[in-house]
C-alpha atoms as a PDB file:
ATOM      1  CA  MET A   1      19.433 -30.117 -32.063  1.00  0.00           C
ATOM      2  CA  ASP A   2      19.156 -30.454 -28.288  1.00  0.00           C
ATOM      3  CA  GLN A   3      21.180 -28.580 -25.671  1.00  0.00           C
ATOM      4  CA  ALA A   4      23.761 -31.335 -25.116  1.00  0.00           C
ATOM      5  CA  ALA A   5      24.443 -31.855 -28.824  1.00  0.00           C
ATOM      6  CA  ALA A   6      24.754 -28.104 -29.409  1.00  0.00           C
ATOM      7  CA  CYS A   7      27.217 -27.700 -26.535  1.00  0.00           C
ATOM      8  CA  LEU A   8      29.308 -30.722 -27.521  1.00  0.00           C
ATOM      9  CA  ILE A   9      29.570 -29.869 -31.207  1.00  0.00           C
ATOM     10  CA  THR A  10      30.019 -26.117 -30.769  1.00  0.00           C
ATOM     11  CA  CYS A  11      32.712 -26.494 -28.111  1.00  0.00           C
ATOM     12  CA  ARG A  12      34.557 -29.155 -30.094  1.00  0.00           C
ATOM     13  CA  ILE A  13      34.546 -27.451 -33.487  1.00  0.00           C
ATOM     14  CA  ASN A  14      35.453 -24.050 -32.068  1.00  0.00           C
ATOM     15  CA  GLN A  15      37.854 -25.494 -29.472  1.00  0.00           C
ATOM     16  CA  LEU A  16      36.120 -23.649 -26.649  1.00  0.00           C
ATOM     17  CA  LEU A  17      36.993 -26.489 -24.256  1.00  0.00           C
ATOM     18  CA  SER A  18      39.530 -29.300 -24.368  1.00  0.00           C
ATOM     19  CA  PRO A  19      38.080 -32.692 -25.372  1.00  0.00           C
ATOM     20  CA  SER A  20      38.855 -34.115 -21.924  1.00  0.00           C
ATOM     21  CA  LEU A  21      37.040 -31.304 -20.106  1.00  0.00           C
ATOM     22  CA  LEU A  22      34.142 -31.479 -22.551  1.00  0.00           C
ATOM     23  CA  LEU A  23      33.810 -35.192 -21.796  1.00  0.00           C
ATOM     24  CA  LYS A  24      33.969 -34.588 -18.027  1.00  0.00           C
ATOM     25  CA  TRP A  25      31.184 -32.023 -18.336  1.00  0.00           C
ATOM     26  CA  TRP A  26      28.970 -34.415 -20.315  1.00  0.00           C
ATOM     27  CA  LYS A  27      29.593 -37.259 -17.844  1.00  0.00           C
ATOM     28  CA  ALA A  28      28.736 -35.012 -14.891  1.00  0.00           C
ATOM     29  CA  ASP A  29      25.646 -33.554 -16.572  1.00  0.00           C
ATOM     30  CA  PRO A  30      24.372 -35.368 -19.705  1.00  0.00           C
ATOM     31  CA  LEU A  31      21.934 -32.472 -20.320  1.00  0.00           C
ATOM     32  CA  MET A  32      24.861 -30.005 -20.232  1.00  0.00           C
ATOM     33  CA  SER A  33      22.789 -27.263 -18.656  1.00  0.00           C
ATOM     34  CA  LEU A  34      24.217 -23.752 -18.693  1.00  0.00           C
ATOM     35  CA  SER A  35      21.433 -22.117 -16.704  1.00  0.00           C
ATOM     36  CA  ASN A  36      22.472 -23.315 -13.247  1.00  0.00           C
ATOM     37  CA  PRO A  37      25.005 -21.006 -11.563  1.00  0.00           C
ATOM     38  CA  SER A  38      26.624 -24.035  -9.929  1.00  0.00           C
ATOM     39  CA  CYS A  39      26.889 -25.790 -13.284  1.00  0.00           C
ATOM     40  CA  ALA A  40      28.677 -29.151 -13.357  1.00  0.00           C
ATOM     41  CA  LEU A  41      31.148 -27.614 -15.792  1.00  0.00           C
ATOM     42  CA  GLU A  42      32.513 -25.252 -13.177  1.00  0.00           C
ATOM     43  CA  THR A  43      32.991 -28.180 -10.814  1.00  0.00           C
ATOM     44  CA  ALA A  44      34.668 -30.294 -13.516  1.00  0.00           C
ATOM     45  CA  SER A  45      37.011 -27.447 -14.426  1.00  0.00           C
ATOM     46  CA  GLN A  46      37.709 -26.633 -10.767  1.00  0.00           C
ATOM     47  CA  GLY A  47      36.294 -23.163 -11.309  1.00  0.00           C
ATOM     48  CA  LYS A  48      38.584 -22.308 -14.232  1.00  0.00           C
ATOM     49  CA  VAL A  49      35.681 -22.115 -16.715  1.00  0.00           C
ATOM     50  CA  LYS A  50      32.864 -19.677 -15.969  1.00  0.00           C
ATOM     51  CA  THR A  51      29.463 -20.842 -17.138  1.00  0.00           C
ATOM     52  CA  ALA A  52      28.122 -17.401 -18.080  1.00  0.00           C
ATOM     53  CA  ALA A  53      31.087 -16.583 -20.327  1.00  0.00           C
ATOM     54  CA  LEU A  54      30.954 -19.957 -22.075  1.00  0.00           C
ATOM     55  CA  LYS A  55      27.194 -19.671 -22.559  1.00  0.00           C
ATOM     56  CA  ASN A  56      27.689 -16.370 -24.375  1.00  0.00           C
ATOM     57  CA  LYS A  57      30.341 -17.924 -26.649  1.00  0.00           C
ATOM     58  CA  ILE A  58      28.142 -20.919 -27.485  1.00  0.00           C
ATOM     59  CA  GLU A  59      25.139 -18.713 -28.260  1.00  0.00           C
ATOM     60  CA  GLU A  60      27.337 -16.483 -30.401  1.00  0.00           C
ATOM     61  CA  GLN A  61      28.577 -19.470 -32.427  1.00  0.00           C
ATOM     62  CA  TYR A  62      25.227 -21.259 -32.760  1.00  0.00           C
ATOM     63  CA  PRO A  63      24.018 -19.550 -35.985  1.00  0.00           C
ATOM     64  CA  LYS A  64      27.414 -20.213 -37.596  1.00  0.00           C
ATOM     65  CA  LEU A  65      27.227 -23.822 -36.429  1.00  0.00           C
ATOM     66  CA  GLN A  66      24.043 -24.497 -38.370  1.00  0.00           C
ATOM     67  CA  HIS A  67      25.653 -23.213 -41.562  1.00  0.00           C
ATOM     68  CA  LEU A  68      28.847 -25.188 -40.962  1.00  0.00           C
ATOM     69  CA  LEU A  69      26.940 -28.424 -40.344  1.00  0.00           C
ATOM     70  CA  SER A  70      25.094 -27.838 -43.605  1.00  0.00           C
ATOM     71  CA  VAL A  71      28.423 -27.465 -45.415  1.00  0.00           C
ATOM     72  CA  TYR A  72      29.732 -30.623 -43.766  1.00  0.00           C
ATOM     73  CA  HIS A  73      26.597 -32.486 -44.822  1.00  0.00           C
ATOM     74  CA  GLN A  74      27.130 -31.408 -48.428  1.00  0.00           C
ATOM     75  CA  GLN A  75      30.652 -32.849 -48.155  1.00  0.00           C
ATOM     76  CA  GLY A  76      29.278 -36.145 -46.853  1.00  0.00           C
ATOM     77  CA  ILE A  77      30.468 -35.507 -43.296  1.00  0.00           C
ATOM     78  CA  GLU A  78      28.265 -36.348 -40.326  1.00  0.00           C
ATOM     79  CA  VAL A  79      29.004 -34.973 -36.854  1.00  0.00           C
ATOM     80  CA  ILE A  80      28.050 -37.368 -34.056  1.00  0.00           C
ATOM     81  CA  PRO A  81      28.166 -36.123 -30.442  1.00  0.00           C
ATOM     82  CA  ILE A  82      28.485 -38.659 -27.651  1.00  0.00           C
ATOM     83  CA  SER A  83      24.938 -37.775 -26.582  1.00  0.00           C
ATOM     84  CA  SER A  84      23.566 -39.104 -29.885  1.00  0.00           C
ATOM     85  CA  ASP A  85      21.932 -42.500 -30.392  1.00  0.00           C
ATOM     86  CA  GLN A  86      24.180 -42.876 -33.463  1.00  0.00           C
ATOM     87  CA  TYR A  87      27.321 -42.840 -31.317  1.00  0.00           C
ATOM     88  CA  PRO A  88      28.711 -46.410 -31.095  1.00  0.00           C
ATOM     89  CA  PHE A  89      27.844 -47.927 -27.733  1.00  0.00           C
ATOM     90  CA  TRP A  90      31.041 -49.952 -27.386  1.00  0.00           C
ATOM     91  CA  LEU A  91      33.183 -46.855 -27.895  1.00  0.00           C
ATOM     92  CA  LYS A  92      31.118 -44.956 -25.350  1.00  0.00           C
ATOM     93  CA  THR A  93      32.074 -47.493 -22.667  1.00  0.00           C
ATOM     94  CA  ILE A  94      35.839 -46.798 -22.738  1.00  0.00           C
ATOM     95  CA  TYR A  95      37.457 -44.479 -20.204  1.00  0.00           C
ATOM     96  CA  ASP A  96      38.119 -41.600 -22.597  1.00  0.00           C
ATOM     97  CA  PRO A  97      35.799 -41.754 -25.616  1.00  0.00           C
ATOM     98  CA  PRO A  98      35.899 -38.787 -28.030  1.00  0.00           C
ATOM     99  CA  PRO A  99      33.139 -36.317 -27.100  1.00  0.00           C
ATOM    100  CA  VAL A 100      32.422 -35.842 -30.818  1.00  0.00           C
ATOM    101  CA  LEU A 101      33.012 -38.093 -33.821  1.00  0.00           C
ATOM    102  CA  PHE A 102      33.296 -36.934 -37.419  1.00  0.00           C
ATOM    103  CA  ALA A 103      32.156 -39.602 -39.868  1.00  0.00           C
ATOM    104  CA  LYS A 104      32.295 -39.874 -43.636  1.00  0.00           C
ATOM    105  CA  GLY A 105      30.604 -42.764 -45.388  1.00  0.00           C
ATOM    106  CA  ASP A 106      28.183 -45.439 -44.266  1.00  0.00           C
ATOM    107  CA  ILE A 107      27.464 -44.602 -40.635  1.00  0.00           C
ATOM    108  CA  SER A 108      25.262 -47.689 -40.303  1.00  0.00           C
ATOM    109  CA  LEU A 109      28.556 -49.564 -39.823  1.00  0.00           C
ATOM    110  CA  LEU A 110      28.785 -47.990 -36.367  1.00  0.00           C
ATOM    111  CA  SER A 111      25.837 -50.095 -35.196  1.00  0.00           C
ATOM    112  CA  GLN A 112      25.850 -53.051 -37.579  1.00  0.00           C
ATOM    113  CA  GLY A 113      28.143 -56.052 -37.697  1.00  0.00           C
ATOM    114  CA  ARG A 114      30.703 -57.449 -35.292  1.00  0.00           C
ATOM    115  CA  LYS A 115      33.948 -55.482 -35.362  1.00  0.00           C
ATOM    116  CA  ILE A 116      37.551 -56.522 -34.980  1.00  0.00           C
ATOM    117  CA  GLY A 117      40.716 -54.441 -35.298  1.00  0.00           C
ATOM    118  CA  ILE A 118      43.755 -55.450 -37.308  1.00  0.00           C
ATOM    119  CA  VAL A 119      47.002 -53.535 -36.746  1.00  0.00           C
ATOM    120  CA  GLY A 120      50.675 -54.009 -37.428  1.00  0.00           C
ATOM    121  CA  THR A 121      53.896 -52.655 -38.805  1.00  0.00           C
ATOM    122  CA  ARG A 122      54.195 -50.110 -41.593  1.00  0.00           C
ATOM    123  CA  HIS A 123      56.845 -52.388 -43.142  1.00  0.00           C
ATOM    124  CA  PRO A 124      55.294 -55.848 -43.458  1.00  0.00           C
ATOM    125  CA  THR A 125      57.144 -58.801 -44.867  1.00  0.00           C
ATOM    126  CA  ALA A 126      55.680 -61.125 -47.508  1.00  0.00           C
ATOM    127  CA  TYR A 127      54.569 -63.335 -44.604  1.00  0.00           C
ATOM    128  CA  GLY A 128      52.742 -60.424 -42.923  1.00  0.00           C
ATOM    129  CA  ILE A 129      50.940 -59.542 -46.150  1.00  0.00           C
ATOM    130  CA  GLN A 130      49.911 -63.170 -46.613  1.00  0.00           C
ATOM    131  CA  VAL A 131      48.591 -63.349 -43.037  1.00  0.00           C
ATOM    132  CA  VAL A 132      46.520 -60.169 -43.407  1.00  0.00           C
ATOM    133  CA  ASN A 133      44.917 -61.400 -46.617  1.00  0.00           C
ATOM    134  CA  HIS A 134      44.221 -64.834 -45.140  1.00  0.00           C
ATOM    135  CA  LEU A 135      42.649 -63.614 -41.879  1.00  0.00           C
ATOM    136  CA  THR A 136      40.715 -60.777 -43.475  1.00  0.00           C
ATOM    137  CA  ILE A 137      39.093 -63.009 -46.073  1.00  0.00           C
ATOM    138  CA  GLU A 138      38.018 -65.485 -43.389  1.00  0.00           C
ATOM    139  CA  LEU A 139      36.632 -62.729 -41.139  1.00  0.00           C
ATOM    140  CA  CYS A 140      34.793 -60.950 -43.948  1.00  0.00           C
ATOM    141  CA  HIS A 141      33.147 -64.186 -45.035  1.00  0.00           C
ATOM    142  CA  LYS A 142      31.731 -64.348 -41.495  1.00  0.00           C
ATOM    143  CA  LYS A 143      30.473 -60.741 -41.866  1.00  0.00           C
ATOM    144  CA  TRP A 144      32.947 -59.170 -39.440  1.00  0.00           C
ATOM    145  CA  VAL A 145      33.708 -55.464 -39.971  1.00  0.00           C
ATOM    146  CA  ILE A 146      37.451 -54.803 -40.106  1.00  0.00           C
ATOM    147  CA  VAL A 147      38.662 -51.747 -38.165  1.00  0.00           C
ATOM    148  CA  SER A 148      42.114 -50.243 -38.622  1.00  0.00           C
ATOM    149  CA  GLY A 149      44.014 -46.966 -38.820  1.00  0.00           C
ATOM    150  CA  LEU A 150      44.518 -46.408 -42.580  1.00  0.00           C
ATOM    151  CA  ALA A 151      48.294 -46.241 -41.999  1.00  0.00           C
ATOM    152  CA  SER A 152      50.913 -47.601 -44.366  1.00  0.00           C
ATOM    153  CA  GLY A 153      51.551 -51.316 -44.193  1.00  0.00           C
ATOM    154  CA  ILE A 154      49.310 -53.712 -42.273  1.00  0.00           C
ATOM    155  CA  ASP A 155      46.556 -51.138 -41.632  1.00  0.00           C
ATOM    156  CA  GLY A 156      46.062 -50.157 -45.251  1.00  0.00           C
ATOM    157  CA  LEU A 157      46.419 -53.766 -46.375  1.00  0.00           C
ATOM    158  CA  SER A 158      43.654 -54.881 -44.006  1.00  0.00           C
ATOM    159  CA  HIS A 159      41.275 -52.256 -45.411  1.00  0.00           C
ATOM    160  CA  ALA A 160      42.147 -53.170 -48.997  1.00  0.00           C
ATOM    161  CA  ALA A 161      41.795 -56.899 -48.291  1.00  0.00           C
ATOM    162  CA  SER A 162      38.355 -56.285 -46.745  1.00  0.00           C
ATOM    163  CA  ILE A 163      37.223 -54.436 -49.844  1.00  0.00           C
ATOM    164  CA  LYS A 164      38.593 -57.147 -52.141  1.00  0.00           C
ATOM    165  CA  ALA A 165      36.775 -59.795 -50.079  1.00  0.00           C
ATOM    166  CA  LYS A 166      33.519 -57.795 -50.439  1.00  0.00           C
ATOM    167  CA  GLY A 167      33.474 -57.182 -46.694  1.00  0.00           C
ATOM    168  CA  ARG A 168      33.038 -53.941 -44.737  1.00  0.00           C
ATOM    169  CA  THR A 169      35.737 -51.823 -43.153  1.00  0.00           C
ATOM    170  CA  ILE A 170      36.164 -48.745 -40.935  1.00  0.00           C
ATOM    171  CA  GLY A 171      39.254 -46.521 -41.071  1.00  0.00           C
ATOM    172  CA  VAL A 172      40.077 -44.360 -38.039  1.00  0.00           C
ATOM    173  CA  ILE A 173      42.361 -41.516 -39.053  1.00  0.00           C
ATOM    174  CA  ALA A 174      44.614 -39.065 -37.216  1.00  0.00           C
ATOM    175  CA  GLY A 175      43.795 -35.473 -38.132  1.00  0.00           C
ATOM    176  CA  GLY A 176      40.790 -34.438 -40.199  1.00  0.00           C
ATOM    177  CA  PHE A 177      39.317 -35.566 -43.506  1.00  0.00           C
ATOM    178  CA  GLN A 178      40.879 -32.692 -45.430  1.00  0.00           C
ATOM    179  CA  ASN A 179      44.374 -33.873 -44.459  1.00  0.00           C
ATOM    180  CA  ILE A 180      44.530 -37.609 -45.100  1.00  0.00           C
ATOM    181  CA  TYR A 181      47.820 -39.169 -44.010  1.00  0.00           C
ATOM    182  CA  PRO A 182      49.713 -40.941 -45.451  1.00  0.00           C
ATOM    183  CA  ARG A 183      49.096 -39.560 -48.940  1.00  0.00           C
ATOM    184  CA  GLU A 184      49.786 -42.985 -50.437  1.00  0.00           C
ATOM    185  CA  ASN A 185      46.452 -44.122 -49.002  1.00  0.00           C
ATOM    186  CA  LEU A 186      44.472 -41.121 -50.243  1.00  0.00           C
ATOM    187  CA  GLN A 187      42.768 -43.070 -53.031  1.00  0.00           C
ATOM    188  CA  LEU A 188      41.911 -45.860 -50.590  1.00  0.00           C
ATOM    189  CA  ALA A 189      40.516 -43.303 -48.124  1.00  0.00           C
ATOM    190  CA  GLU A 190      38.370 -41.685 -50.799  1.00  0.00           C
ATOM    191  CA  TYR A 191      36.938 -45.049 -51.786  1.00  0.00           C
ATOM    192  CA  MET A 192      36.205 -45.935 -48.162  1.00  0.00           C
ATOM    193  CA  ALA A 193      34.520 -42.565 -47.588  1.00  0.00           C
ATOM    194  CA  LYS A 194      32.076 -43.419 -50.377  1.00  0.00           C
ATOM    195  CA  HIS A 195      31.494 -47.118 -49.817  1.00  0.00           C
ATOM    196  CA  HIS A 196      32.627 -47.918 -46.260  1.00  0.00           C
ATOM    197  CA  LEU A 197      33.415 -45.538 -43.374  1.00  0.00           C
ATOM    198  CA  LEU A 198      36.087 -43.102 -42.227  1.00  0.00           C
ATOM    199  CA  LEU A 199      36.115 -41.805 -38.654  1.00  0.00           C
ATOM    200  CA  SER A 200      38.013 -39.040 -36.884  1.00  0.00           C
ATOM    201  CA  GLU A 201      37.764 -37.282 -33.545  1.00  0.00           C
ATOM    202  CA  HIS A 202      39.045 -34.075 -35.139  1.00  0.00           C
ATOM    203  CA  PRO A 203      37.261 -31.430 -37.246  1.00  0.00           C
ATOM    204  CA  PRO A 204      37.850 -31.911 -40.997  1.00  0.00           C
ATOM    205  CA  GLU A 205      40.423 -29.130 -41.425  1.00  0.00           C
ATOM    206  CA  THR A 206      42.700 -30.460 -38.646  1.00  0.00           C
ATOM    207  CA  LYS A 207      46.242 -31.335 -39.723  1.00  0.00           C
ATOM    208  CA  PRO A 208      47.548 -34.564 -38.162  1.00  0.00           C
ATOM    209  CA  GLN A 209      49.970 -34.079 -35.294  1.00  0.00           C
ATOM    210  CA  LYS A 210      52.371 -36.673 -33.896  1.00  0.00           C
ATOM    211  CA  TRP A 211      50.298 -37.167 -30.746  1.00  0.00           C
ATOM    212  CA  HIS A 212      47.109 -37.776 -32.759  1.00  0.00           C
ATOM    213  CA  PHE A 213      48.321 -41.230 -33.835  1.00  0.00           C
ATOM    214  CA  PRO A 214      48.563 -42.962 -30.430  1.00  0.00           C
ATOM    215  CA  MET A 215      45.304 -41.240 -29.425  1.00  0.00           C
ATOM    216  CA  ARG A 216      43.674 -42.604 -32.582  1.00  0.00           C
ATOM    217  CA  ASN A 217      44.574 -46.143 -31.526  1.00  0.00           C
ATOM    218  CA  ARG A 218      42.218 -46.117 -28.524  1.00  0.00           C
ATOM    219  CA  ILE A 219      39.312 -45.558 -30.934  1.00  0.00           C
ATOM    220  CA  ILE A 220      40.332 -48.539 -33.079  1.00  0.00           C
ATOM    221  CA  SER A 221      40.340 -50.811 -30.022  1.00  0.00           C
ATOM    222  CA  GLY A 222      37.315 -49.105 -28.478  1.00  0.00           C
ATOM    223  CA  LEU A 223      35.168 -49.865 -31.516  1.00  0.00           C
ATOM    224  CA  SER A 224      36.283 -53.493 -31.644  1.00  0.00           C
ATOM    225  CA  GLU A 225      35.626 -56.693 -29.730  1.00  0.00           C
ATOM    226  CA  GLY A 226      39.288 -57.546 -30.067  1.00  0.00           C
ATOM    227  CA  ILE A 227      42.563 -56.530 -31.695  1.00  0.00           C
ATOM    228  CA  ILE A 228      44.762 -58.673 -33.936  1.00  0.00           C
ATOM    229  CA  VAL A 229      48.447 -57.749 -34.050  1.00  0.00           C
ATOM    230  CA  VAL A 230      50.051 -59.207 -37.163  1.00  0.00           C
ATOM    231  CA  GLN A 231      53.618 -57.836 -37.116  1.00  0.00           C
ATOM    232  CA  GLY A 232      55.338 -55.140 -35.100  1.00  0.00           C
ATOM    233  CA  LYS A 233      58.443 -54.383 -33.098  1.00  0.00           C
ATOM    234  CA  GLU A 234      58.421 -54.552 -29.303  1.00  0.00           C
ATOM    235  CA  LYS A 235      58.031 -50.779 -29.119  1.00  0.00           C
ATOM    236  CA  SER A 236      55.518 -49.778 -31.754  1.00  0.00           C
ATOM    237  CA  GLY A 237      52.107 -48.235 -32.282  1.00  0.00           C
ATOM    238  CA  SER A 238      50.674 -51.730 -32.724  1.00  0.00           C
ATOM    239  CA  LEU A 239      51.557 -52.631 -29.155  1.00  0.00           C
ATOM    240  CA  ILE A 240      50.132 -49.330 -27.913  1.00  0.00           C
ATOM    241  CA  THR A 241      46.831 -50.337 -29.509  1.00  0.00           C
ATOM    242  CA  ALA A 242      47.062 -53.806 -27.948  1.00  0.00           C
ATOM    243  CA  TYR A 243      47.679 -52.426 -24.458  1.00  0.00           C
ATOM    244  CA  GLN A 244      44.828 -49.946 -24.847  1.00  0.00           C
ATOM    245  CA  ALA A 245      42.596 -52.836 -25.876  1.00  0.00           C
ATOM    246  CA  LEU A 246      43.538 -54.686 -22.688  1.00  0.00           C
ATOM    247  CA  GLU A 247      42.764 -51.610 -20.592  1.00  0.00           C
ATOM    248  CA  GLN A 248      39.378 -51.421 -22.304  1.00  0.00           C
ATOM    249  CA  GLY A 249      38.598 -55.064 -21.575  1.00  0.00           C
ATOM    250  CA  ARG A 250      38.974 -56.217 -25.176  1.00  0.00           C
ATOM    251  CA  GLU A 251      40.598 -59.435 -26.360  1.00  0.00           C
ATOM    252  CA  VAL A 252      44.103 -59.304 -27.848  1.00  0.00           C
ATOM    253  CA  PHE A 253      45.272 -61.760 -30.500  1.00  0.00           C
ATOM    254  CA  ALA A 254      48.792 -62.055 -31.871  1.00  0.00           C
ATOM    255  CA  VAL A 255      50.092 -63.844 -34.952  1.00  0.00           C
ATOM    256  CA  PRO A 256      53.380 -65.689 -34.252  1.00  0.00           C
ATOM    257  CA  GLY A 257      56.274 -65.052 -36.612  1.00  0.00           C
ATOM    258  CA  SER A 258      59.819 -66.196 -37.205  1.00  0.00           C
ATOM    259  CA  VAL A 259      62.295 -65.656 -34.381  1.00  0.00           C
ATOM    260  CA  PHE A 260      64.620 -64.183 -37.035  1.00  0.00           C
ATOM    261  CA  ASP A 261      62.073 -61.509 -38.007  1.00  0.00           C
ATOM    262  CA  PRO A 262      62.475 -58.224 -36.033  1.00  0.00           C
ATOM    263  CA  TYR A 263      58.790 -57.509 -36.637  1.00  0.00           C
ATOM    264  CA  ALA A 264      57.857 -60.717 -34.797  1.00  0.00           C
ATOM    265  CA  GLY A 265      59.076 -59.225 -31.515  1.00  0.00           C
ATOM    266  CA  GLY A 266      55.833 -57.401 -30.749  1.00  0.00           C
ATOM    267  CA  PRO A 267      53.506 -60.389 -31.190  1.00  0.00           C
ATOM    268  CA  ILE A 268      55.919 -62.646 -29.261  1.00  0.00           C
ATOM    269  CA  LYS A 269      55.959 -60.198 -26.351  1.00  0.00           C
ATOM    270  CA  LEU A 270      52.162 -60.014 -26.334  1.00  0.00           C
ATOM    271  CA  ILE A 271      51.871 -63.810 -26.350  1.00  0.00           C
ATOM    272  CA  GLN A 272      54.307 -64.007 -23.435  1.00  0.00           C
ATOM    273  CA  GLU A 273      52.089 -61.540 -21.586  1.00  0.00           C
ATOM    274  CA  GLY A 274      48.914 -63.548 -22.176  1.00  0.00           C
ATOM    275  CA  ALA A 275      47.614 -62.638 -25.626  1.00  0.00           C
ATOM    276  CA  LYS A 276      46.138 -65.538 -27.586  1.00  0.00           C
ATOM    277  CA  ALA A 277      48.329 -66.846 -30.386  1.00  0.00           C
ATOM    278  CA  ILE A 278      46.245 -67.408 -33.497  1.00  0.00           C
ATOM    279  CA  TRP A 279      46.697 -69.283 -36.765  1.00  0.00           C
ATOM    280  CA  SER A 280      43.263 -68.756 -38.292  1.00  0.00           C
ATOM    281  CA  ALA A 281      40.001 -66.911 -37.785  1.00  0.00           C
ATOM    282  CA  GLU A 282      38.629 -70.018 -36.042  1.00  0.00           C
ATOM    283  CA  ASP A 283      40.884 -69.198 -33.091  1.00  0.00           C
ATOM    284  CA  ILE A 284      39.187 -65.796 -32.870  1.00  0.00           C
ATOM    285  CA  TYR A 285      35.658 -67.214 -33.056  1.00  0.00           C
ATOM    286  CA  ALA A 286      36.507 -69.538 -30.166  1.00  0.00           C
ATOM    287  CA  GLU A 287      37.409 -66.567 -27.934  1.00  0.00           C
ATOM    288  CA  LEU A 288      34.589 -64.307 -29.116  1.00  0.00           C
ATOM    289  CA  PRO A 289      31.434 -66.424 -29.312  1.00  0.00           C
ATOM    290  CA  GLU A 290      28.417 -64.607 -30.656  1.00  0.00           C
ATOM    291  CA  ARG A 291      26.408 -64.989 -27.477  1.00  0.00           C
ATOM    292  CA  ASN A 292      28.668 -62.453 -25.723  1.00  0.00           C
ATOM    293  CA  VAL A 293      27.988 -59.664 -28.200  1.00  0.00           C
ATOM    294  CA  GLN A 294      25.773 -56.703 -27.403  1.00  0.00           C
ATOM    295  CA  TYR A 295      25.831 -53.734 -29.729  1.00  0.00           C
ATOM    296  CA  THR A 296      22.845 -51.831 -28.428  1.00  0.00           C
ATOM    297  CA  GLU A 297      22.552 -49.975 -25.161  1.00  0.00           C
ATOM    298  CA  PRO A 298      20.614 -51.992 -22.571  1.00  0.00           C
ATOM    299  CA  PHE A 299      17.219 -50.710 -21.479  1.00  0.00           C
END
């Protein structure tokens, strides 16, 4: 393990630095050197973090880190720092990527296949369920990887529909792997951890907090070429994901619904603001032609 990986993983697991400061340090100095008295970390922290003290803490934790990573590996958990070649390139390009990812399952999905996010309400109507199944089947037949948040409703349905269609899917969770939420999707999460992929920016023992959920959404959009919003109210987590996608330069697609459906308000608002209204996966292919895709870092 090189210096950067050791610093990133040790600081994240032991919460020696906030994720935002850890990311600033890595961006300022990808080697994350601790030997220079005028270390980039001190500049990034405006002098609040002293390099010598942090170096001692990291060196103190390093032997424990090796053991912990071994335990994680036995549990099927891989720890991927942003300095690693395994870290997904598209996610690395957003403004605030997680400095460390925790992955459980088939990590080849991070670099293989075109990815698209599907999000929506936790209370879908029969129409919303039908739409998710229809779009997911079409996308999976074209080998797209479906990304969502493993939440109740549209998220969980999109994962399940991907599995049923013999496609591939990635679930981005709030909290850590030892505290899957909601519990109703625990069986689905366990299946995905064996045959597909679960991702988190939090160590496995982390309990999900309210603020983890909107933060999780930026990873869903950051991994994806575009986001599909199926159903959602005008003020909902689905729209948060859509707006984050726009900030990240991703495409946003919205499925129109009945004007009498309160969960059609979110997609209607997005369409009014410029999102593409879609009826089938063909509408998505038209906006995201294959020639625009690049999943590997340019030389």
